[in-house]
Amino acid sequence: MRGTRGTWLRALTLALAVTLAAVVVWTRSESFGPGPRLLRKLGADVVRVQAMDGSGSLLDQGSGVRLRGGWIATNYHVVEGSASVRVLGLGEASPARVARCNEADDLCLLRVQSTEKEGPSGVRLAGPTTPGETVYALGAPEGIPSVISQGLLSGLREVKGSPRLVTSAPLSAGSSGGGLFDAGGRLVGITTAQVANGQDLNLAVPASQVAALVAQRRLARSAPVRRRNVCITDLGTTAAVSTFREALIDGLVGSGIGVDQDCDRSSAELTGEVEAWTPAAGRLSMSYGLHLADSSGHVIRAWRGHGQGLAHRLPGALAAGLLPRLREALASPGSVRNR
């Protein structure tokens, strides 16, 4: 009986010890939050970006975030003025080309040559954010890979006309172009700057701006044609093209549009080609078609042959009212300016 009781006490003591150890391990693990898991999950998707001058010397360096589809997002100021760019963190140093930039948003998309034909990969973009949400900055400050910091999201502010997320997550030199992530590993924004004299007051470009730049890059693909003309048809279609200037800027940085009045007015659509210029691809052209449809006011982007089709829906009454704007916008070549 005594032996049985001793065995039972020893078993109970052992069980309590195991339980307490498990509690201690669980508590210590939880105290770190999702940081270790995010490092494991996102480590390969946050890379170093190096900008080189004409002699091949290092001009500047920062971070980048690999997006789905093979794009790498970084800051414009990281690659500004560079003769070449390379990305480190994909197994080796890989040359990259600057595919698309938005200077106002301080964003650029890079394309690593070795991943041009890869399928969907990289991080997912987060949806709307909430002030007070915990976020995690991951980048390569001072060239040190996979450095993570934690902070809170304070909200959205406008900086020089462009939206910026404000966060208390610490950033250091070289963090520019890195990712700001939520607890699920979704990209909230691209870290871009520190506020001068602001303690733990840092800025990031919202993920929505990244998504917009990716969409613009897709829109920018077109066939190399050298003609510039706009074919004006009926009043409704003519007025609908008053938004063509904005549609063009949304997809390409245009060098100018010429107007051709000698068109078949029985046509129900406006068609033509415009020569344009992009920093990455040089001169190219875009085919377009503009249709008057319903009153949704929605810009539709669709492929048209080897070029790019654009359709803008506009109500007839509004179309007539916009005709003066159309004549002004398309009065002469150069009305669409580089930006």
C-alpha atoms as a PDB file:
ATOM      1  CA  MET A   1       0.000   0.000   0.000  1.00  0.00           C
ATOM      2  CA  ARG A   2       2.808   2.360   0.942  1.00  0.00           C
ATOM      3  CA  GLY A   3       4.636   1.513  -2.283  1.00  0.00           C
ATOM      4  CA  THR A   4       1.512   2.142  -4.302  1.00  0.00           C
ATOM      5  CA  ARG A   5       1.024   5.512  -2.598  1.00  0.00           C
ATOM      6  CA  GLY A   6       4.672   6.488  -3.262  1.00  0.00           C
ATOM      7  CA  THR A   7       4.356   5.540  -6.896  1.00  0.00           C
ATOM      8  CA  TRP A   8       1.180   7.612  -7.194  1.00  0.00           C
ATOM      9  CA  LEU A   9       2.861  10.655  -5.581  1.00  0.00           C
ATOM     10  CA  ARG A  10       5.850  10.378  -7.880  1.00  0.00           C
ATOM     11  CA  ALA A  11       3.555  10.161 -10.909  1.00  0.00           C
ATOM     12  CA  LEU A  12       1.578  13.182  -9.715  1.00  0.00           C
ATOM     13  CA  THR A  13       4.774  15.190  -9.143  1.00  0.00           C
ATOM     14  CA  LEU A  14       6.056  14.285 -12.602  1.00  0.00           C
ATOM     15  CA  ALA A  15       2.745  15.255 -14.212  1.00  0.00           C
ATOM     16  CA  LEU A  16       2.747  18.606 -12.422  1.00  0.00           C
ATOM     17  CA  ALA A  17       6.338  19.256 -13.488  1.00  0.00           C
ATOM     18  CA  VAL A  18       5.545  18.503 -17.130  1.00  0.00           C
ATOM     19  CA  THR A  19       2.447  20.713 -16.987  1.00  0.00           C
ATOM     20  CA  LEU A  20       4.353  23.618 -15.425  1.00  0.00           C
ATOM     21  CA  ALA A  21       7.138  23.269 -17.996  1.00  0.00           C
ATOM     22  CA  ALA A  22       4.593  23.347 -20.792  1.00  0.00           C
ATOM     23  CA  VAL A  23       3.000  26.471 -19.315  1.00  0.00           C
ATOM     24  CA  VAL A  24       6.400  28.173 -19.055  1.00  0.00           C
ATOM     25  CA  VAL A  25       7.317  27.270 -22.648  1.00  0.00           C
ATOM     26  CA  TRP A  26       3.906  28.390 -23.938  1.00  0.00           C
ATOM     27  CA  THR A  27       4.106  31.671 -22.013  1.00  0.00           C
ATOM     28  CA  ARG A  28       7.612  32.435 -23.275  1.00  0.00           C
ATOM     29  CA  SER A  29       6.611  31.593 -26.841  1.00  0.00           C
ATOM     30  CA  GLU A  30       3.512  33.780 -26.665  1.00  0.00           C
ATOM     31  CA  SER A  31       5.481  36.698 -25.225  1.00  0.00           C
ATOM     32  CA  PHE A  32       7.315  37.062 -28.535  1.00  0.00           C
ATOM     33  CA  GLY A  33       4.051  37.407 -30.461  1.00  0.00           C
ATOM     34  CA  PRO A  34       3.985  36.574 -34.191  1.00  0.00           C
ATOM     35  CA  GLY A  35       7.458  38.029 -34.824  1.00  0.00           C
ATOM     36  CA  PRO A  36       9.361  34.719 -35.142  1.00  0.00           C
ATOM     37  CA  ARG A  37       6.636  33.250 -37.347  1.00  0.00           C
ATOM     38  CA  LEU A  38       6.647  36.318 -39.613  1.00  0.00           C
ATOM     39  CA  LEU A  39      10.423  36.115 -39.966  1.00  0.00           C
ATOM     40  CA  ARG A  40      10.166  32.506 -41.091  1.00  0.00           C
ATOM     41  CA  LYS A  41       7.270  33.241 -43.426  1.00  0.00           C
ATOM     42  CA  LEU A  42       8.489  36.494 -44.972  1.00  0.00           C
ATOM     43  CA  GLY A  43      12.260  36.241 -44.765  1.00  0.00           C
ATOM     44  CA  ALA A  44      12.640  35.176 -48.403  1.00  0.00           C
ATOM     45  CA  ASP A  45      10.222  37.843 -49.653  1.00  0.00           C
ATOM     46  CA  VAL A  46      12.043  40.851 -48.165  1.00  0.00           C
ATOM     47  CA  VAL A  47      15.245  41.500 -50.103  1.00  0.00           C
ATOM     48  CA  ARG A  48      18.117  43.962 -50.301  1.00  0.00           C
ATOM     49  CA  VAL A  49      18.156  46.419 -53.194  1.00  0.00           C
ATOM     50  CA  GLN A  50      21.393  48.017 -54.364  1.00  0.00           C
ATOM     51  CA  ALA A  51      21.546  50.951 -56.775  1.00  0.00           C
ATOM     52  CA  MET A  52      24.778  51.231 -58.767  1.00  0.00           C
ATOM     53  CA  ASP A  53      26.295  54.159 -60.629  1.00  0.00           C
ATOM     54  CA  GLY A  54      27.748  54.052 -64.146  1.00  0.00           C
ATOM     55  CA  SER A  55      31.060  52.642 -62.919  1.00  0.00           C
ATOM     56  CA  GLY A  56      29.374  49.813 -61.021  1.00  0.00           C
ATOM     57  CA  SER A  57      30.019  51.345 -57.604  1.00  0.00           C
ATOM     58  CA  LEU A  58      27.352  51.319 -54.899  1.00  0.00           C
ATOM     59  CA  LEU A  59      25.259  54.478 -55.084  1.00  0.00           C
ATOM     60  CA  ASP A  60      22.583  53.650 -52.515  1.00  0.00           C
ATOM     61  CA  GLN A  61      20.991  50.640 -50.905  1.00  0.00           C
ATOM     62  CA  GLY A  62      17.685  49.826 -49.324  1.00  0.00           C
ATOM     63  CA  SER A  63      15.113  47.080 -49.110  1.00  0.00           C
ATOM     64  CA  GLY A  64      12.460  45.580 -51.352  1.00  0.00           C
ATOM     65  CA  VAL A  65       9.398  43.362 -51.036  1.00  0.00           C
ATOM     66  CA  ARG A  66       8.675  40.543 -53.442  1.00  0.00           C
ATOM     67  CA  LEU A  67       5.072  40.682 -54.676  1.00  0.00           C
ATOM     68  CA  ARG A  68       3.009  38.048 -56.402  1.00  0.00           C
ATOM     69  CA  GLY A  69       3.751  37.800 -60.097  1.00  0.00           C
ATOM     70  CA  GLY A  70       7.488  38.372 -59.760  1.00  0.00           C
ATOM     71  CA  TRP A  71       7.445  42.122 -59.026  1.00  0.00           C
ATOM     72  CA  ILE A  72       9.622  43.664 -56.339  1.00  0.00           C
ATOM     73  CA  ALA A  73       8.377  46.882 -54.742  1.00  0.00           C
ATOM     74  CA  THR A  74      10.827  49.418 -53.356  1.00  0.00           C
ATOM     75  CA  ASN A  75      11.132  53.180 -52.857  1.00  0.00           C
ATOM     76  CA  TYR A  76      11.764  55.530 -55.739  1.00  0.00           C
ATOM     77  CA  HIS A  77      14.474  57.323 -53.778  1.00  0.00           C
ATOM     78  CA  VAL A  78      16.407  54.060 -53.366  1.00  0.00           C
ATOM     79  CA  VAL A  79      16.946  53.601 -57.122  1.00  0.00           C
ATOM     80  CA  GLU A  80      16.738  57.245 -58.212  1.00  0.00           C
ATOM     81  CA  GLY A  81      19.632  58.229 -60.475  1.00  0.00           C
ATOM     82  CA  SER A  82      21.024  54.701 -60.700  1.00  0.00           C
ATOM     83  CA  ALA A  83      22.623  53.265 -63.827  1.00  0.00           C
ATOM     84  CA  SER A  84      21.799  49.704 -62.771  1.00  0.00           C
ATOM     85  CA  VAL A  85      20.055  47.867 -59.945  1.00  0.00           C
ATOM     86  CA  ARG A  86      20.622  44.489 -58.354  1.00  0.00           C
ATOM     87  CA  VAL A  87      18.653  42.500 -55.812  1.00  0.00           C
ATOM     88  CA  LEU A  88      20.169  40.327 -53.089  1.00  0.00           C
ATOM     89  CA  GLY A  89      18.229  37.750 -51.156  1.00  0.00           C
ATOM     90  CA  LEU A  90      16.892  35.449 -53.858  1.00  0.00           C
ATOM     91  CA  GLY A  91      19.812  33.052 -53.490  1.00  0.00           C
ATOM     92  CA  GLU A  92      22.340  35.322 -55.200  1.00  0.00           C
ATOM     93  CA  ALA A  93      22.829  38.872 -56.426  1.00  0.00           C
ATOM     94  CA  SER A  94      20.508  39.235 -59.416  1.00  0.00           C
ATOM     95  CA  PRO A  95      20.357  42.131 -61.887  1.00  0.00           C
ATOM     96  CA  ALA A  96      16.984  43.863 -61.986  1.00  0.00           C
ATOM     97  CA  ARG A  97      15.348  46.424 -64.222  1.00  0.00           C
ATOM     98  CA  VAL A  98      13.217  49.337 -63.067  1.00  0.00           C
ATOM     99  CA  ALA A  99       9.863  48.492 -64.614  1.00  0.00           C
ATOM    100  CA  ARG A 100       7.615  51.283 -63.361  1.00  0.00           C
ATOM    101  CA  CYS A 101       7.851  54.234 -60.938  1.00  0.00           C
ATOM    102  CA  ASN A 102       5.595  56.759 -59.254  1.00  0.00           C
ATOM    103  CA  GLU A 103       7.809  59.496 -57.873  1.00  0.00           C
ATOM    104  CA  ALA A 104       4.971  61.184 -55.955  1.00  0.00           C
ATOM    105  CA  ASP A 105       4.262  57.962 -54.062  1.00  0.00           C
ATOM    106  CA  ASP A 106       8.000  57.211 -53.734  1.00  0.00           C
ATOM    107  CA  LEU A 107       7.405  53.795 -55.296  1.00  0.00           C
ATOM    108  CA  CYS A 108       9.106  51.714 -57.979  1.00  0.00           C
ATOM    109  CA  LEU A 109       8.494  48.226 -59.300  1.00  0.00           C
ATOM    110  CA  LEU A 110      11.534  46.117 -60.128  1.00  0.00           C
ATOM    111  CA  ARG A 111      11.690  43.007 -62.243  1.00  0.00           C
ATOM    112  CA  VAL A 112      14.430  40.463 -61.581  1.00  0.00           C
ATOM    113  CA  GLN A 113      15.416  38.824 -64.855  1.00  0.00           C
ATOM    114  CA  SER A 114      15.662  35.336 -63.377  1.00  0.00           C
ATOM    115  CA  THR A 115      12.037  35.511 -62.160  1.00  0.00           C
ATOM    116  CA  GLU A 116      10.428  37.032 -65.274  1.00  0.00           C
ATOM    117  CA  LYS A 117       8.478  33.844 -66.051  1.00  0.00           C
ATOM    118  CA  GLU A 118       7.629  32.738 -62.535  1.00  0.00           C
ATOM    119  CA  GLY A 119       4.015  32.272 -61.522  1.00  0.00           C
ATOM    120  CA  PRO A 120       2.237  33.909 -58.584  1.00  0.00           C
ATOM    121  CA  SER A 121       4.492  34.172 -55.524  1.00  0.00           C
ATOM    122  CA  GLY A 122       5.501  36.686 -52.924  1.00  0.00           C
ATOM    123  CA  VAL A 123       3.452  38.468 -50.305  1.00  0.00           C
ATOM    124  CA  ARG A 124      -0.245  39.232 -50.297  1.00  0.00           C
ATOM    125  CA  LEU A 125      -1.565  42.767 -49.915  1.00  0.00           C
ATOM    126  CA  ALA A 126      -3.593  43.681 -46.843  1.00  0.00           C
ATOM    127  CA  GLY A 127      -7.041  45.232 -46.961  1.00  0.00           C
ATOM    128  CA  PRO A 128      -8.150  48.342 -45.051  1.00  0.00           C
ATOM    129  CA  THR A 129      -6.153  48.982 -41.881  1.00  0.00           C
ATOM    130  CA  THR A 130      -7.273  50.076 -38.415  1.00  0.00           C
ATOM    131  CA  PRO A 131      -5.565  52.736 -36.268  1.00  0.00           C
ATOM    132  CA  GLY A 132      -4.053  51.066 -33.221  1.00  0.00           C
ATOM    133  CA  GLU A 133      -3.365  47.844 -35.117  1.00  0.00           C
ATOM    134  CA  THR A 134      -0.047  46.147 -34.383  1.00  0.00           C
ATOM    135  CA  VAL A 135       2.258  46.105 -37.394  1.00  0.00           C
ATOM    136  CA  TYR A 136       5.728  44.728 -38.110  1.00  0.00           C
ATOM    137  CA  ALA A 137       8.428  46.401 -40.191  1.00  0.00           C
ATOM    138  CA  LEU A 138      10.757  43.997 -41.972  1.00  0.00           C
ATOM    139  CA  GLY A 139      13.726  45.158 -44.021  1.00  0.00           C
ATOM    140  CA  ALA A 140      17.487  45.241 -44.423  1.00  0.00           C
ATOM    141  CA  PRO A 141      18.751  48.352 -42.593  1.00  0.00           C
ATOM    142  CA  GLU A 142      22.472  49.009 -43.094  1.00  0.00           C
ATOM    143  CA  GLY A 143      22.463  45.992 -45.428  1.00  0.00           C
ATOM    144  CA  ILE A 144      21.617  43.587 -42.585  1.00  0.00           C
ATOM    145  CA  PRO A 145      18.896  41.209 -43.852  1.00  0.00           C
ATOM    146  CA  SER A 146      15.714  40.183 -42.017  1.00  0.00           C
ATOM    147  CA  VAL A 147      15.606  42.881 -39.335  1.00  0.00           C
ATOM    148  CA  ILE A 148      12.145  43.078 -37.764  1.00  0.00           C
ATOM    149  CA  SER A 149      10.584  45.692 -35.498  1.00  0.00           C
ATOM    150  CA  GLN A 150       7.135  46.071 -33.993  1.00  0.00           C
ATOM    151  CA  GLY A 151       4.892  49.083 -33.541  1.00  0.00           C
ATOM    152  CA  LEU A 152       1.394  50.468 -33.824  1.00  0.00           C
ATOM    153  CA  LEU A 153      -0.398  51.945 -36.785  1.00  0.00           C
ATOM    154  CA  SER A 154      -1.503  55.501 -36.038  1.00  0.00           C
ATOM    155  CA  GLY A 155      -3.519  56.202 -39.163  1.00  0.00           C
ATOM    156  CA  LEU A 156      -3.281  57.765 -42.608  1.00  0.00           C
ATOM    157  CA  ARG A 157      -1.810  61.198 -43.347  1.00  0.00           C
ATOM    158  CA  GLU A 158      -1.147  63.179 -46.506  1.00  0.00           C
ATOM    159  CA  VAL A 159       2.472  64.088 -47.212  1.00  0.00           C
ATOM    160  CA  LYS A 160       3.045  66.418 -50.173  1.00  0.00           C
ATOM    161  CA  GLY A 161      -0.227  65.319 -51.719  1.00  0.00           C
ATOM    162  CA  SER A 162       0.434  61.591 -51.370  1.00  0.00           C
ATOM    163  CA  PRO A 163      -1.022  59.251 -48.703  1.00  0.00           C
ATOM    164  CA  ARG A 164       1.261  57.880 -45.999  1.00  0.00           C
ATOM    165  CA  LEU A 165       0.688  55.480 -43.140  1.00  0.00           C
ATOM    166  CA  VAL A 166       2.062  56.646 -39.786  1.00  0.00           C
ATOM    167  CA  THR A 167       3.561  53.953 -37.559  1.00  0.00           C
ATOM    168  CA  SER A 168       5.632  53.691 -34.408  1.00  0.00           C
ATOM    169  CA  ALA A 169       7.516  50.647 -35.745  1.00  0.00           C
ATOM    170  CA  PRO A 170      11.208  51.703 -35.613  1.00  0.00           C
ATOM    171  CA  LEU A 171      13.029  52.203 -38.928  1.00  0.00           C
ATOM    172  CA  SER A 172      16.717  52.699 -39.665  1.00  0.00           C
ATOM    173  CA  ALA A 173      18.764  53.773 -42.672  1.00  0.00           C
ATOM    174  CA  GLY A 174      18.386  51.084 -45.318  1.00  0.00           C
ATOM    175  CA  SER A 175      14.855  50.193 -44.207  1.00  0.00           C
ATOM    176  CA  SER A 176      13.496  52.229 -47.118  1.00  0.00           C
ATOM    177  CA  GLY A 177      11.610  49.954 -49.478  1.00  0.00           C
ATOM    178  CA  GLY A 178      11.003  47.306 -46.836  1.00  0.00           C
ATOM    179  CA  GLY A 179       7.618  45.962 -45.836  1.00  0.00           C
ATOM    180  CA  LEU A 180       5.153  46.920 -43.128  1.00  0.00           C
ATOM    181  CA  PHE A 181       3.064  43.831 -42.378  1.00  0.00           C
ATOM    182  CA  ASP A 182       0.062  42.925 -40.270  1.00  0.00           C
ATOM    183  CA  ALA A 183       0.043  39.970 -37.878  1.00  0.00           C
ATOM    184  CA  GLY A 184      -1.076  37.673 -40.699  1.00  0.00           C
ATOM    185  CA  GLY A 185       1.926  38.518 -42.874  1.00  0.00           C
ATOM    186  CA  ARG A 186      -0.038  40.641 -45.348  1.00  0.00           C
ATOM    187  CA  LEU A 187       1.636  43.747 -46.747  1.00  0.00           C
ATOM    188  CA  VAL A 188       0.214  46.912 -45.197  1.00  0.00           C
ATOM    189  CA  GLY A 189       2.698  49.303 -46.803  1.00  0.00           C
ATOM    190  CA  ILE A 190       6.227  50.013 -48.034  1.00  0.00           C
ATOM    191  CA  THR A 191       8.361  51.727 -45.389  1.00  0.00           C
ATOM    192  CA  THR A 192       9.704  54.964 -46.765  1.00  0.00           C
ATOM    193  CA  ALA A 193      10.798  57.617 -44.253  1.00  0.00           C
ATOM    194  CA  GLN A 194      11.304  58.795 -40.706  1.00  0.00           C
ATOM    195  CA  VAL A 195       9.778  62.044 -39.492  1.00  0.00           C
ATOM    196  CA  ALA A 196      12.546  64.463 -38.506  1.00  0.00           C
ATOM    197  CA  ASN A 197      12.626  65.114 -34.750  1.00  0.00           C
ATOM    198  CA  GLY A 198       9.769  62.666 -34.308  1.00  0.00           C
ATOM    199  CA  GLN A 199      10.415  59.851 -31.841  1.00  0.00           C
ATOM    200  CA  ASP A 200       9.124  56.550 -33.249  1.00  0.00           C
ATOM    201  CA  LEU A 201       7.221  58.448 -35.932  1.00  0.00           C
ATOM    202  CA  ASN A 202       7.748  56.729 -39.263  1.00  0.00           C
ATOM    203  CA  LEU A 203       5.998  56.645 -42.616  1.00  0.00           C
ATOM    204  CA  ALA A 204       4.980  53.963 -45.104  1.00  0.00           C
ATOM    205  CA  VAL A 205       3.317  54.073 -48.517  1.00  0.00           C
ATOM    206  CA  PRO A 206      -0.051  52.252 -48.280  1.00  0.00           C
ATOM    207  CA  ALA A 207      -0.409  48.891 -50.004  1.00  0.00           C
ATOM    208  CA  SER A 208      -3.258  50.370 -52.060  1.00  0.00           C
ATOM    209  CA  GLN A 209      -0.718  52.588 -53.839  1.00  0.00           C
ATOM    210  CA  VAL A 210       1.430  49.531 -54.550  1.00  0.00           C
ATOM    211  CA  ALA A 211      -1.581  47.754 -56.054  1.00  0.00           C
ATOM    212  CA  ALA A 212      -2.331  50.805 -58.213  1.00  0.00           C
ATOM    213  CA  LEU A 213       1.230  50.865 -59.539  1.00  0.00           C
ATOM    214  CA  VAL A 214       1.080  47.158 -60.398  1.00  0.00           C
ATOM    215  CA  ALA A 215      -2.185  47.773 -62.269  1.00  0.00           C
ATOM    216  CA  GLN A 216      -0.631  50.684 -64.172  1.00  0.00           C
ATOM    217  CA  ARG A 217       2.283  48.517 -65.215  1.00  0.00           C
ATOM    218  CA  ARG A 218      -0.092  45.935 -66.637  1.00  0.00           C
ATOM    219  CA  LEU A 219      -1.898  48.686 -68.514  1.00  0.00           C
ATOM    220  CA  ALA A 220       1.354  49.995 -69.952  1.00  0.00           C
ATOM    221  CA  ARG A 221       2.067  46.968 -72.138  1.00  0.00           C
ATOM    222  CA  SER A 222       1.511  47.731 -75.815  1.00  0.00           C
ATOM    223  CA  ALA A 223       2.783  47.188 -79.344  1.00  0.00           C
ATOM    224  CA  PRO A 224       5.605  49.327 -80.804  1.00  0.00           C
ATOM    225  CA  VAL A 225       3.864  51.621 -83.322  1.00  0.00           C
ATOM    226  CA  ARG A 226       4.986  55.171 -84.199  1.00  0.00           C
ATOM    227  CA  ARG A 227       1.755  56.927 -85.202  1.00  0.00           C
ATOM    228  CA  ARG A 228      -0.076  59.639 -83.259  1.00  0.00           C
ATOM    229  CA  ASN A 229      -3.675  60.350 -84.129  1.00  0.00           C
ATOM    230  CA  VAL A 230      -7.100  60.673 -82.577  1.00  0.00           C
ATOM    231  CA  CYS A 231     -10.140  59.917 -84.690  1.00  0.00           C
ATOM    232  CA  ILE A 232     -13.150  62.015 -83.584  1.00  0.00           C
ATOM    233  CA  THR A 233     -16.558  60.534 -84.407  1.00  0.00           C
ATOM    234  CA  ASP A 234     -19.928  61.543 -82.923  1.00  0.00           C
ATOM    235  CA  LEU A 235     -20.516  64.083 -80.143  1.00  0.00           C
ATOM    236  CA  GLY A 236     -21.018  61.559 -77.379  1.00  0.00           C
ATOM    237  CA  THR A 237     -17.914  59.565 -78.211  1.00  0.00           C
ATOM    238  CA  THR A 238     -15.939  62.746 -78.749  1.00  0.00           C
ATOM    239  CA  ALA A 239     -16.822  64.056 -75.303  1.00  0.00           C
ATOM    240  CA  ALA A 240     -16.129  60.690 -73.746  1.00  0.00           C
ATOM    241  CA  VAL A 241     -12.518  61.019 -74.802  1.00  0.00           C
ATOM    242  CA  SER A 242     -12.171  64.118 -72.615  1.00  0.00           C
ATOM    243  CA  THR A 243     -11.091  61.675 -69.963  1.00  0.00           C
ATOM    244  CA  PHE A 244      -8.603  60.054 -72.317  1.00  0.00           C
ATOM    245  CA  ARG A 245      -5.861  62.317 -70.980  1.00  0.00           C
ATOM    246  CA  GLU A 246      -6.428  61.006 -67.460  1.00  0.00           C
ATOM    247  CA  ALA A 247      -6.782  57.442 -68.733  1.00  0.00           C
ATOM    248  CA  LEU A 248      -3.520  57.745 -70.624  1.00  0.00           C
ATOM    249  CA  ILE A 249      -1.644  59.124 -67.627  1.00  0.00           C
ATOM    250  CA  ASP A 250      -3.086  56.284 -65.573  1.00  0.00           C
ATOM    251  CA  GLY A 251      -1.490  53.790 -67.948  1.00  0.00           C
ATOM    252  CA  LEU A 252       1.402  55.542 -69.661  1.00  0.00           C
ATOM    253  CA  VAL A 253       3.305  58.793 -69.445  1.00  0.00           C
ATOM    254  CA  GLY A 254       2.254  60.368 -72.727  1.00  0.00           C
ATOM    255  CA  SER A 255       4.393  62.539 -74.955  1.00  0.00           C
ATOM    256  CA  GLY A 256       1.456  64.059 -76.821  1.00  0.00           C
ATOM    257  CA  ILE A 257      -1.715  63.470 -78.808  1.00  0.00           C
ATOM    258  CA  GLY A 258      -2.528  64.761 -82.268  1.00  0.00           C
ATOM    259  CA  VAL A 259      -6.124  65.216 -83.463  1.00  0.00           C
ATOM    260  CA  ASP A 260      -7.393  63.928 -86.820  1.00  0.00           C
ATOM    261  CA  GLN A 261     -10.800  65.338 -87.816  1.00  0.00           C
ATOM    262  CA  ASP A 262     -10.980  63.372 -91.095  1.00  0.00           C
ATOM    263  CA  CYS A 263     -12.582  60.213 -89.781  1.00  0.00           C
ATOM    264  CA  ASP A 264     -15.531  58.052 -90.696  1.00  0.00           C
ATOM    265  CA  ARG A 265     -18.325  59.683 -88.659  1.00  0.00           C
ATOM    266  CA  SER A 266     -20.549  56.658 -89.115  1.00  0.00           C
ATOM    267  CA  SER A 267     -18.286  54.846 -86.699  1.00  0.00           C
ATOM    268  CA  ALA A 268     -19.671  54.366 -83.206  1.00  0.00           C
ATOM    269  CA  GLU A 269     -16.317  54.372 -81.504  1.00  0.00           C
ATOM    270  CA  LEU A 270     -13.161  56.398 -81.292  1.00  0.00           C
ATOM    271  CA  THR A 271     -10.054  54.481 -82.272  1.00  0.00           C
ATOM    272  CA  GLY A 272      -6.453  55.242 -82.956  1.00  0.00           C
ATOM    273  CA  GLU A 273      -2.942  55.005 -81.646  1.00  0.00           C
ATOM    274  CA  VAL A 274      -0.836  57.273 -79.518  1.00  0.00           C
ATOM    275  CA  GLU A 275       2.913  57.385 -79.210  1.00  0.00           C
ATOM    276  CA  ALA A 276       4.031  57.579 -75.604  1.00  0.00           C
ATOM    277  CA  TRP A 277       7.123  57.456 -73.465  1.00  0.00           C
ATOM    278  CA  THR A 278       7.933  55.560 -70.299  1.00  0.00           C
ATOM    279  CA  PRO A 279      11.144  55.786 -68.258  1.00  0.00           C
ATOM    280  CA  ALA A 280      11.621  52.026 -68.368  1.00  0.00           C
ATOM    281  CA  ALA A 281      10.682  51.115 -71.935  1.00  0.00           C
ATOM    282  CA  GLY A 282      11.463  54.279 -73.876  1.00  0.00           C
ATOM    283  CA  ARG A 283       9.160  55.143 -76.755  1.00  0.00           C
ATOM    284  CA  LEU A 284       6.239  52.888 -77.584  1.00  0.00           C
ATOM    285  CA  SER A 285       2.629  53.276 -78.584  1.00  0.00           C
ATOM    286  CA  MET A 286      -0.796  52.273 -77.354  1.00  0.00           C
ATOM    287  CA  SER A 287      -3.851  51.346 -79.382  1.00  0.00           C
ATOM    288  CA  TYR A 288      -7.108  52.490 -77.861  1.00  0.00           C
ATOM    289  CA  GLY A 289     -10.841  52.468 -78.361  1.00  0.00           C
ATOM    290  CA  LEU A 290     -13.265  54.715 -76.463  1.00  0.00           C
ATOM    291  CA  HIS A 291     -16.968  53.866 -76.344  1.00  0.00           C
ATOM    292  CA  LEU A 292     -20.016  55.696 -75.001  1.00  0.00           C
ATOM    293  CA  ALA A 293     -21.942  53.096 -73.036  1.00  0.00           C
ATOM    294  CA  ASP A 294     -23.958  53.669 -69.858  1.00  0.00           C
ATOM    295  CA  SER A 295     -23.818  56.080 -66.926  1.00  0.00           C
ATOM    296  CA  SER A 296     -21.627  54.044 -64.593  1.00  0.00           C
ATOM    297  CA  GLY A 297     -18.678  56.412 -65.068  1.00  0.00           C
ATOM    298  CA  HIS A 298     -16.294  53.470 -64.878  1.00  0.00           C
ATOM    299  CA  VAL A 299     -13.036  53.149 -66.805  1.00  0.00           C
ATOM    300  CA  ILE A 300     -12.713  49.688 -68.346  1.00  0.00           C
ATOM    301  CA  ARG A 301      -9.298  48.381 -69.330  1.00  0.00           C
ATOM    302  CA  ALA A 302      -9.309  45.512 -71.819  1.00  0.00           C
ATOM    303  CA  TRP A 303      -6.927  43.988 -74.322  1.00  0.00           C
ATOM    304  CA  ARG A 304      -7.513  44.931 -77.975  1.00  0.00           C
ATOM    305  CA  GLY A 305      -5.377  42.881 -80.344  1.00  0.00           C
ATOM    306  CA  HIS A 306      -1.726  43.513 -79.602  1.00  0.00           C
ATOM    307  CA  GLY A 307      -2.434  46.944 -78.144  1.00  0.00           C
ATOM    308  CA  GLN A 308      -4.371  48.249 -75.187  1.00  0.00           C
ATOM    309  CA  GLY A 309      -8.068  49.017 -75.296  1.00  0.00           C
ATOM    310  CA  LEU A 310      -9.612  51.693 -73.097  1.00  0.00           C
ATOM    311  CA  ALA A 311     -13.334  52.293 -72.682  1.00  0.00           C
ATOM    312  CA  HIS A 312     -14.845  55.095 -70.625  1.00  0.00           C
ATOM    313  CA  ARG A 313     -18.536  55.010 -69.860  1.00  0.00           C
ATOM    314  CA  LEU A 314     -20.202  58.410 -69.693  1.00  0.00           C
ATOM    315  CA  PRO A 315     -23.867  59.592 -69.746  1.00  0.00           C
ATOM    316  CA  GLY A 316     -24.873  61.499 -72.885  1.00  0.00           C
ATOM    317  CA  ALA A 317     -25.813  64.768 -71.128  1.00  0.00           C
ATOM    318  CA  LEU A 318     -22.525  64.882 -69.280  1.00  0.00           C
ATOM    319  CA  ALA A 319     -20.691  63.990 -72.475  1.00  0.00           C
ATOM    320  CA  ALA A 320     -22.100  67.068 -74.229  1.00  0.00           C
ATOM    321  CA  GLY A 321     -21.073  69.286 -71.328  1.00  0.00           C
ATOM    322  CA  LEU A 322     -17.517  68.004 -71.446  1.00  0.00           C
ATOM    323  CA  LEU A 323     -16.967  68.809 -75.118  1.00  0.00           C
ATOM    324  CA  PRO A 324     -15.190  72.158 -74.382  1.00  0.00           C
ATOM    325  CA  ARG A 325     -12.815  70.340 -72.063  1.00  0.00           C
ATOM    326  CA  LEU A 326     -12.138  67.820 -74.798  1.00  0.00           C
ATOM    327  CA  ARG A 327     -11.203  70.498 -77.321  1.00  0.00           C
ATOM    328  CA  GLU A 328      -8.859  72.112 -74.811  1.00  0.00           C
ATOM    329  CA  ALA A 329      -7.266  68.827 -73.729  1.00  0.00           C
ATOM    330  CA  LEU A 330      -6.681  67.599 -77.277  1.00  0.00           C
ATOM    331  CA  ALA A 331      -6.078  70.954 -78.969  1.00  0.00           C
ATOM    332  CA  SER A 332      -2.462  70.255 -79.859  1.00  0.00           C
ATOM    333  CA  PRO A 333       0.272  67.643 -79.510  1.00  0.00           C
ATOM    334  CA  GLY A 334       1.922  67.862 -76.130  1.00  0.00           C
ATOM    335  CA  SER A 335      -1.284  68.436 -74.169  1.00  0.00           C
ATOM    336  CA  VAL A 336      -0.476  65.255 -72.297  1.00  0.00           C
ATOM    337  CA  ARG A 337       2.763  65.929 -70.504  1.00  0.00           C
ATOM    338  CA  ASN A 338       5.358  63.658 -69.007  1.00  0.00           C
ATOM    339  CA  ARG A 339       5.200  63.369 -65.253  1.00  0.00           C
END
